[in-house]
Amino acid sequence: MNIEIYTVDYCPYCHKALKFLDEHNADYTNHDITENEDEMREELGKKYHIKGDVTVPQIIIDGNRIGGYTDMIGLYESGALKFD
């Protein structure tokens, strides 16, 4: 499973998502976009066809955007997201 997460350093949900992934020993790549946040939010919106505001974290699994922290937790609790 290839997991990418886009975060900013002041976001509590970003910290929760990273902690969750760490607790499950998930292998992931964290892209901290704090320094060029506006540009990266715009780029993410275009790349993943996000309408409206682009929030963080943005979590991408195997090339598919699943959404943010609560979306990831929902997938995990439903059994759709499993960590080996």
PDB file of N, CA and C in Angstrom:
ATOM      1  N   MET A   1       0.850  -1.170   0.000  1.00  0.00           N
ATOM      2  CA  MET A   1       0.000   0.000   0.000  1.00  0.00           C
ATOM      3  C   MET A   1       0.899   1.238   0.000  1.00  0.00           C
ATOM      4  N   ASN A   2       0.614   2.157  -0.902  1.00  0.00           N
ATOM      5  CA  ASN A   2       1.371   3.400  -0.999  1.00  0.00           C
ATOM      6  C   ASN A   2       0.517   4.529  -0.409  1.00  0.00           C
ATOM      7  N   ILE A   3       0.967   5.104   0.694  1.00  0.00           N
ATOM      8  CA  ILE A   3       0.217   6.168   1.365  1.00  0.00           C
ATOM      9  C   ILE A   3       1.013   7.458   1.302  1.00  0.00           C
ATOM     10  N   GLU A   4       0.354   8.511   0.834  1.00  0.00           N
ATOM     11  CA  GLU A   4       0.916   9.853   0.856  1.00  0.00           C
ATOM     12  C   GLU A   4      -0.047  10.724   1.657  1.00  0.00           C
ATOM     13  N   ILE A   5       0.504  11.629   2.436  1.00  0.00           N
ATOM     14  CA  ILE A   5      -0.321  12.545   3.221  1.00  0.00           C
ATOM     15  C   ILE A   5       0.253  13.947   3.096  1.00  0.00           C
ATOM     16  N   TYR A   6      -0.634  14.897   2.841  1.00  0.00           N
ATOM     17  CA  TYR A   6      -0.252  16.302   2.719  1.00  0.00           C
ATOM     18  C   TYR A   6      -0.722  17.007   3.976  1.00  0.00           C
ATOM     19  N   THR A   7       0.226  17.661   4.659  1.00  0.00           N
ATOM     20  CA  THR A   7      -0.054  18.268   5.955  1.00  0.00           C
ATOM     21  C   THR A   7       0.518  19.677   6.043  1.00  0.00           C
ATOM     22  N   VAL A   8       0.052  20.404   7.061  1.00  0.00           N
ATOM     23  CA  VAL A   8       0.677  21.661   7.471  1.00  0.00           C
ATOM     24  C   VAL A   8       0.994  21.518   8.951  1.00  0.00           C
ATOM     25  N   ASP A   9       2.024  22.213   9.405  1.00  0.00           N
ATOM     26  CA  ASP A   9       2.531  21.968  10.761  1.00  0.00           C
ATOM     27  C   ASP A   9       1.624  22.455  11.887  1.00  0.00           C
ATOM     28  N   TYR A  10       0.647  23.299  11.602  1.00  0.00           N
ATOM     29  CA  TYR A  10      -0.217  23.845  12.660  1.00  0.00           C
ATOM     30  C   TYR A  10      -1.593  23.178  12.722  1.00  0.00           C
ATOM     31  N   CYS A  11      -1.813  22.135  11.948  1.00  0.00           N
ATOM     32  CA  CYS A  11      -3.132  21.504  11.827  1.00  0.00           C
ATOM     33  C   CYS A  11      -3.288  20.340  12.807  1.00  0.00           C
ATOM     34  N   PRO A  12      -4.254  20.423  13.734  1.00  0.00           N
ATOM     35  CA  PRO A  12      -4.429  19.327  14.686  1.00  0.00           C
ATOM     36  C   PRO A  12      -4.872  18.019  14.026  1.00  0.00           C
ATOM     37  N   TYR A  13      -5.683  18.099  12.959  1.00  0.00           N
ATOM     38  CA  TYR A  13      -6.114  16.873  12.285  1.00  0.00           C
ATOM     39  C   TYR A  13      -4.962  16.222  11.527  1.00  0.00           C
ATOM     40  N   CYS A  14      -4.032  17.021  11.052  1.00  0.00           N
ATOM     41  CA  CYS A  14      -2.827  16.476  10.418  1.00  0.00           C
ATOM     42  C   CYS A  14      -2.031  15.674  11.444  1.00  0.00           C
ATOM     43  N   HIS A  15      -1.867  16.244  12.631  1.00  0.00           N
ATOM     44  CA  HIS A  15      -1.130  15.555  13.694  1.00  0.00           C
ATOM     45  C   HIS A  15      -1.839  14.262  14.100  1.00  0.00           C
ATOM     46  N   LYS A  16      -3.181  14.295  14.176  1.00  0.00           N
ATOM     47  CA  LYS A  16      -3.943  13.093  14.516  1.00  0.00           C
ATOM     48  C   LYS A  16      -3.759  12.016  13.455  1.00  0.00           C
ATOM     49  N   ALA A  17      -3.794  12.427  12.181  1.00  0.00           N
ATOM     50  CA  ALA A  17      -3.646  11.469  11.085  1.00  0.00           C
ATOM     51  C   ALA A  17      -2.261  10.826  11.111  1.00  0.00           C
ATOM     52  N   LEU A  18      -1.236  11.634  11.307  1.00  0.00           N
ATOM     53  CA  LEU A  18       0.122  11.102  11.370  1.00  0.00           C
ATOM     54  C   LEU A  18       0.287  10.153  12.561  1.00  0.00           C
ATOM     55  N   LYS A  19      -0.285  10.521  13.691  1.00  0.00           N
ATOM     56  CA  LYS A  19      -0.211   9.668  14.882  1.00  0.00           C
ATOM     57  C   LYS A  19      -0.917   8.333  14.628  1.00  0.00           C
ATOM     58  N   PHE A  20      -2.086   8.384  13.997  1.00  0.00           N
ATOM     59  CA  PHE A  20      -2.830   7.170  13.677  1.00  0.00           C
ATOM     60  C   PHE A  20      -2.000   6.256  12.775  1.00  0.00           C
ATOM     61  N   LEU A  21      -1.409   6.830  11.729  1.00  0.00           N
ATOM     62  CA  LEU A  21      -0.586   6.034  10.819  1.00  0.00           C
ATOM     63  C   LEU A  21       0.616   5.444  11.542  1.00  0.00           C
ATOM     64  N   ASP A  22       1.247   6.233  12.404  1.00  0.00           N
ATOM     65  CA  ASP A  22       2.389   5.735  13.181  1.00  0.00           C
ATOM     66  C   ASP A  22       1.970   4.597  14.113  1.00  0.00           C
ATOM     67  N   GLU A  23       0.819   4.757  14.763  1.00  0.00           N
ATOM     68  CA  GLU A  23       0.344   3.728  15.695  1.00  0.00           C
ATOM     69  C   GLU A  23       0.054   2.407  14.990  1.00  0.00           C
ATOM     70  N   HIS A  24      -0.264   2.489  13.696  1.00  0.00           N
ATOM     71  CA  HIS A  24      -0.554   1.285  12.927  1.00  0.00           C
ATOM     72  C   HIS A  24       0.648   0.845  12.086  1.00  0.00           C
ATOM     73  N   ASN A  25       1.804   1.413  12.395  1.00  0.00           N
ATOM     74  CA  ASN A  25       3.051   1.064  11.701  1.00  0.00           C
ATOM     75  C   ASN A  25       2.923   1.149  10.190  1.00  0.00           C
ATOM     76  N   ALA A  26       2.147   2.116   9.731  1.00  0.00           N
ATOM     77  CA  ALA A  26       1.951   2.300   8.290  1.00  0.00           C
ATOM     78  C   ALA A  26       3.174   2.975   7.678  1.00  0.00           C
ATOM     79  N   ASP A  27       3.524   2.522   6.509  1.00  0.00           N
ATOM     80  CA  ASP A  27       4.605   3.144   5.753  1.00  0.00           C
ATOM     81  C   ASP A  27       3.972   4.238   4.903  1.00  0.00           C
ATOM     82  N   TYR A  28       4.378   5.482   5.107  1.00  0.00           N
ATOM     83  CA  TYR A  28       3.771   6.598   4.384  1.00  0.00           C
ATOM     84  C   TYR A  28       4.811   7.669   4.097  1.00  0.00           C
ATOM     85  N   THR A  29       4.448   8.547   3.164  1.00  0.00           N
ATOM     86  CA  THR A  29       5.273   9.704   2.858  1.00  0.00           C
ATOM     87  C   THR A  29       4.485  10.943   3.255  1.00  0.00           C
ATOM     88  N   ASN A  30       5.072  11.747   4.123  1.00  0.00           N
ATOM     89  CA  ASN A  30       4.436  12.988   4.556  1.00  0.00           C
ATOM     90  C   ASN A  30       4.986  14.151   3.731  1.00  0.00           C
ATOM     91  N   HIS A  31       4.085  14.880   3.098  1.00  0.00           N
ATOM     92  CA  HIS A  31       4.450  16.084   2.358  1.00  0.00           C
ATOM     93  C   HIS A  31       3.987  17.285   3.185  1.00  0.00           C
ATOM     94  N   ASP A  32       4.906  17.902   3.897  1.00  0.00           N
ATOM     95  CA  ASP A  32       4.578  19.098   4.688  1.00  0.00           C
ATOM     96  C   ASP A  32       4.565  20.287   3.735  1.00  0.00           C
ATOM     97  N   ILE A  33       3.369  20.860   3.529  1.00  0.00           N
ATOM     98  CA  ILE A  33       3.216  21.951   2.557  1.00  0.00           C
ATOM     99  C   ILE A  33       3.158  23.319   3.233  1.00  0.00           C
ATOM    100  N   THR A  34       3.571  23.400   4.489  1.00  0.00           N
ATOM    101  CA  THR A  34       3.451  24.633   5.263  1.00  0.00           C
ATOM    102  C   THR A  34       4.107  25.825   4.562  1.00  0.00           C
ATOM    103  N   GLU A  35       5.300  25.632   4.025  1.00  0.00           N
ATOM    104  CA  GLU A  35       6.053  26.767   3.470  1.00  0.00           C
ATOM    105  C   GLU A  35       5.479  27.303   2.163  1.00  0.00           C
ATOM    106  N   ASN A  36       4.809  26.487   1.373  1.00  0.00           N
ATOM    107  CA  ASN A  36       4.191  26.966   0.134  1.00  0.00           C
ATOM    108  C   ASN A  36       2.738  26.487   0.071  1.00  0.00           C
ATOM    109  N   GLU A  37       2.044  26.715   1.164  1.00  0.00           N
ATOM    110  CA  GLU A  37       0.704  26.182   1.386  1.00  0.00           C
ATOM    111  C   GLU A  37      -0.310  26.586   0.313  1.00  0.00           C
ATOM    112  N   ASP A  38      -0.405  27.871   0.004  1.00  0.00           N
ATOM    113  CA  ASP A  38      -1.417  28.314  -0.958  1.00  0.00           C
ATOM    114  C   ASP A  38      -1.209  27.667  -2.324  1.00  0.00           C
ATOM    115  N   GLU A  39       0.021  27.662  -2.783  1.00  0.00           N
ATOM    116  CA  GLU A  39       0.350  27.067  -4.080  1.00  0.00           C
ATOM    117  C   GLU A  39       0.040  25.566  -4.086  1.00  0.00           C
ATOM    118  N   MET A  40       0.415  24.873  -3.018  1.00  0.00           N
ATOM    119  CA  MET A  40       0.202  23.431  -2.954  1.00  0.00           C
ATOM    120  C   MET A  40      -1.278  23.076  -2.821  1.00  0.00           C
ATOM    121  N   ARG A  41      -2.030  23.868  -2.082  1.00  0.00           N
ATOM    122  CA  ARG A  41      -3.472  23.608  -1.989  1.00  0.00           C
ATOM    123  C   ARG A  41      -4.118  23.733  -3.365  1.00  0.00           C
ATOM    124  N   GLU A  42      -3.699  24.753  -4.113  1.00  0.00           N
ATOM    125  CA  GLU A  42      -4.225  24.940  -5.462  1.00  0.00           C
ATOM    126  C   GLU A  42      -3.839  23.756  -6.356  1.00  0.00           C
ATOM    127  N   GLU A  43      -2.589  23.331  -6.264  1.00  0.00           N
ATOM    128  CA  GLU A  43      -2.107  22.206  -7.058  1.00  0.00           C
ATOM    129  C   GLU A  43      -2.851  20.916  -6.716  1.00  0.00           C
ATOM    130  N   LEU A  44      -3.067  20.671  -5.425  1.00  0.00           N
ATOM    131  CA  LEU A  44      -3.812  19.481  -5.009  1.00  0.00           C
ATOM    132  C   LEU A  44      -5.248  19.523  -5.524  1.00  0.00           C
ATOM    133  N   GLY A  45      -5.850  20.701  -5.469  1.00  0.00           N
ATOM    134  CA  GLY A  45      -7.215  20.859  -5.965  1.00  0.00           C
ATOM    135  C   GLY A  45      -7.329  20.498  -7.435  1.00  0.00           C
ATOM    136  N   LYS A  46      -6.374  20.943  -8.206  1.00  0.00           N
ATOM    137  CA  LYS A  46      -6.373  20.629  -9.643  1.00  0.00           C
ATOM    138  C   LYS A  46      -6.102  19.151  -9.884  1.00  0.00           C
ATOM    139  N   LYS A  47      -5.101  18.620  -9.223  1.00  0.00           N
ATOM    140  CA  LYS A  47      -4.693  17.228  -9.445  1.00  0.00           C
ATOM    141  C   LYS A  47      -5.790  16.234  -9.088  1.00  0.00           C
ATOM    142  N   TYR A  48      -6.500  16.491  -7.992  1.00  0.00           N
ATOM    143  CA  TYR A  48      -7.508  15.546  -7.507  1.00  0.00           C
ATOM    144  C   TYR A  48      -8.940  16.040  -7.721  1.00  0.00           C
ATOM    145  N   HIS A  49      -9.097  17.079  -8.518  1.00  0.00           N
ATOM    146  CA  HIS A  49     -10.418  17.612  -8.887  1.00  0.00           C
ATOM    147  C   HIS A  49     -11.275  17.915  -7.650  1.00  0.00           C
ATOM    148  N   ILE A  50     -10.673  18.619  -6.700  1.00  0.00           N
ATOM    149  CA  ILE A  50     -11.363  18.981  -5.471  1.00  0.00           C
ATOM    150  C   ILE A  50     -12.102  20.293  -5.706  1.00  0.00           C
ATOM    151  N   LYS A  51     -13.387  20.282  -5.488  1.00  0.00           N
ATOM    152  CA  LYS A  51     -14.183  21.497  -5.644  1.00  0.00           C
ATOM    153  C   LYS A  51     -14.219  22.233  -4.308  1.00  0.00           C
ATOM    154  N   GLY A  52     -14.080  23.544  -4.336  1.00  0.00           N
ATOM    155  CA  GLY A  52     -14.094  24.328  -3.115  1.00  0.00           C
ATOM    156  C   GLY A  52     -12.738  24.342  -2.440  1.00  0.00           C
ATOM    157  N   ASP A  53     -12.766  24.611  -1.150  1.00  0.00           N
ATOM    158  CA  ASP A  53     -11.520  24.705  -0.382  1.00  0.00           C
ATOM    159  C   ASP A  53     -10.829  23.354  -0.281  1.00  0.00           C
ATOM    160  N   VAL A  54      -9.523  23.383  -0.401  1.00  0.00           N
ATOM    161  CA  VAL A  54      -8.710  22.177  -0.234  1.00  0.00           C
ATOM    162  C   VAL A  54      -8.222  22.164   1.207  1.00  0.00           C
ATOM    163  N   THR A  55      -8.742  21.230   1.979  1.00  0.00           N
ATOM    164  CA  THR A  55      -8.384  21.137   3.386  1.00  0.00           C
ATOM    165  C   THR A  55      -7.209  20.178   3.559  1.00  0.00           C
ATOM    166  N   VAL A  56      -6.637  20.199   4.731  1.00  0.00           N
ATOM    167  CA  VAL A  56      -5.587  19.260   5.093  1.00  0.00           C
ATOM    168  C   VAL A  56      -5.999  18.570   6.384  1.00  0.00           C
ATOM    169  N   PRO A  57      -5.552  17.347   6.583  1.00  0.00           N
ATOM    170  CA  PRO A  57      -4.696  16.603   5.691  1.00  0.00           C
ATOM    171  C   PRO A  57      -5.445  16.116   4.453  1.00  0.00           C
ATOM    172  N   GLN A  58      -4.704  15.890   3.402  1.00  0.00           N
ATOM    173  CA  GLN A  58      -5.205  15.185   2.223  1.00  0.00           C
ATOM    174  C   GLN A  58      -4.446  13.869   2.203  1.00  0.00           C
ATOM    175  N   ILE A  59      -5.202  12.776   2.190  1.00  0.00           N
ATOM    176  CA  ILE A  59      -4.597  11.457   2.267  1.00  0.00           C
ATOM    177  C   ILE A  59      -4.853  10.719   0.952  1.00  0.00           C
ATOM    178  N   ILE A  60      -3.774  10.221   0.366  1.00  0.00           N
ATOM    179  CA  ILE A  60      -3.819   9.532  -0.910  1.00  0.00           C
ATOM    180  C   ILE A  60      -3.330   8.096  -0.681  1.00  0.00           C
ATOM    181  N   ILE A  61      -4.148   7.122  -1.052  1.00  0.00           N
ATOM    182  CA  ILE A  61      -3.761   5.723  -0.904  1.00  0.00           C
ATOM    183  C   ILE A  61      -3.793   5.074  -2.277  1.00  0.00           C
ATOM    184  N   ASP A  62      -2.652   4.555  -2.671  1.00  0.00           N
ATOM    185  CA  ASP A  62      -2.498   3.915  -3.982  1.00  0.00           C
ATOM    186  C   ASP A  62      -3.018   4.813  -5.107  1.00  0.00           C
ATOM    187  N   GLY A  63      -2.719   6.101  -5.009  1.00  0.00           N
ATOM    188  CA  GLY A  63      -3.083   7.053  -6.049  1.00  0.00           C
ATOM    189  C   GLY A  63      -4.490   7.591  -5.971  1.00  0.00           C
ATOM    190  N   ASN A  64      -5.292   7.101  -5.023  1.00  0.00           N
ATOM    191  CA  ASN A  64      -6.674   7.549  -4.869  1.00  0.00           C
ATOM    192  C   ASN A  64      -6.820   8.424  -3.634  1.00  0.00           C
ATOM    193  N   ARG A  65      -7.375   9.602  -3.816  1.00  0.00           N
ATOM    194  CA  ARG A  65      -7.597  10.502  -2.683  1.00  0.00           C
ATOM    195  C   ARG A  65      -8.763   9.981  -1.865  1.00  0.00           C
ATOM    196  N   ILE A  66      -8.505   9.704  -0.585  1.00  0.00           N
ATOM    197  CA  ILE A  66      -9.582   9.226   0.282  1.00  0.00           C
ATOM    198  C   ILE A  66     -10.185  10.358   1.102  1.00  0.00           C
ATOM    199  N   GLY A  67      -9.530  11.498   1.153  1.00  0.00           N
ATOM    200  CA  GLY A  67     -10.024  12.631   1.929  1.00  0.00           C
ATOM    201  C   GLY A  67      -9.088  12.939   3.076  1.00  0.00           C
ATOM    202  N   GLY A  68      -9.673  13.258   4.220  1.00  0.00           N
ATOM    203  CA  GLY A  68      -8.894  13.675   5.372  1.00  0.00           C
ATOM    204  C   GLY A  68      -8.908  12.661   6.500  1.00  0.00           C
ATOM    205  N   TYR A  69      -8.603  13.161   7.683  1.00  0.00           N
ATOM    206  CA  TYR A  69      -8.473  12.298   8.865  1.00  0.00           C
ATOM    207  C   TYR A  69      -9.753  11.522   9.155  1.00  0.00           C
ATOM    208  N   THR A  70     -10.901  12.210   9.215  1.00  0.00           N
ATOM    209  CA  THR A  70     -12.146  11.520   9.562  1.00  0.00           C
ATOM    210  C   THR A  70     -12.538  10.512   8.488  1.00  0.00           C
ATOM    211  N   ASP A  71     -12.212  10.805   7.235  1.00  0.00           N
ATOM    212  CA  ASP A  71     -12.484   9.849   6.152  1.00  0.00           C
ATOM    213  C   ASP A  71     -11.635   8.595   6.342  1.00  0.00           C
ATOM    214  N   MET A  72     -10.369   8.779   6.700  1.00  0.00           N
ATOM    215  CA  MET A  72      -9.477   7.645   6.922  1.00  0.00           C
ATOM    216  C   MET A  72      -9.969   6.788   8.089  1.00  0.00           C
ATOM    217  N   ILE A  73     -10.375   7.439   9.171  1.00  0.00           N
ATOM    218  CA  ILE A  73     -10.872   6.703  10.337  1.00  0.00           C
ATOM    219  C   ILE A  73     -12.136   5.933   9.973  1.00  0.00           C
ATOM    220  N   GLY A  74     -13.021   6.563   9.211  1.00  0.00           N
ATOM    221  CA  GLY A  74     -14.245   5.885   8.776  1.00  0.00           C
ATOM    222  C   GLY A  74     -13.947   4.646   7.950  1.00  0.00           C
ATOM    223  N   LEU A  75     -12.998   4.750   7.032  1.00  0.00           N
ATOM    224  CA  LEU A  75     -12.613   3.590   6.224  1.00  0.00           C
ATOM    225  C   LEU A  75     -12.019   2.493   7.094  1.00  0.00           C
ATOM    226  N   TYR A  76     -11.202   2.882   8.064  1.00  0.00           N
ATOM    227  CA  TYR A  76     -10.577   1.910   8.958  1.00  0.00           C
ATOM    228  C   TYR A  76     -11.640   1.195   9.806  1.00  0.00           C
ATOM    229  N   GLU A  77     -12.555   1.981  10.368  1.00  0.00           N
ATOM    230  CA  GLU A  77     -13.592   1.395  11.236  1.00  0.00           C
ATOM    231  C   GLU A  77     -14.553   0.507  10.463  1.00  0.00           C
ATOM    232  N   SER A  78     -14.747   0.796   9.179  1.00  0.00           N
ATOM    233  CA  SER A  78     -15.642  -0.026   8.352  1.00  0.00           C
ATOM    234  C   SER A  78     -14.958  -1.296   7.849  1.00  0.00           C
ATOM    235  N   GLY A  79     -13.645  -1.359   8.019  1.00  0.00           N
ATOM    236  CA  GLY A  79     -12.887  -2.520   7.546  1.00  0.00           C
ATOM    237  C   GLY A  79     -12.370  -2.368   6.130  1.00  0.00           C
ATOM    238  N   ALA A  80     -12.674  -1.236   5.486  1.00  0.00           N
ATOM    239  CA  ALA A  80     -12.230  -1.014   4.106  1.00  0.00           C
ATOM    240  C   ALA A  80     -10.744  -0.656   4.031  1.00  0.00           C
ATOM    241  N   LEU A  81     -10.183  -0.189   5.137  1.00  0.00           N
ATOM    242  CA  LEU A  81      -8.763   0.151   5.205  1.00  0.00           C
ATOM    243  C   LEU A  81      -8.118  -0.730   6.263  1.00  0.00           C
ATOM    244  N   LYS A  82      -7.153  -1.532   5.829  1.00  0.00           N
ATOM    245  CA  LYS A  82      -6.463  -2.437   6.747  1.00  0.00           C
ATOM    246  C   LYS A  82      -4.970  -2.255   6.597  1.00  0.00           C
ATOM    247  N   PHE A  83      -4.264  -2.362   7.700  1.00  0.00           N
ATOM    248  CA  PHE A  83      -2.813  -2.278   7.712  1.00  0.00           C
ATOM    249  C   PHE A  83      -2.262  -3.662   8.015  1.00  0.00           C
ATOM    250  N   ASP A  84      -1.303  -4.109   7.217  1.00  0.00           N
ATOM    251  CA  ASP A  84      -0.720  -5.439   7.424  1.00  0.00           C
ATOM    252  C   ASP A  84       0.291  -5.413   8.540  1.00  0.00           C
TER     253      ASP A  84
END
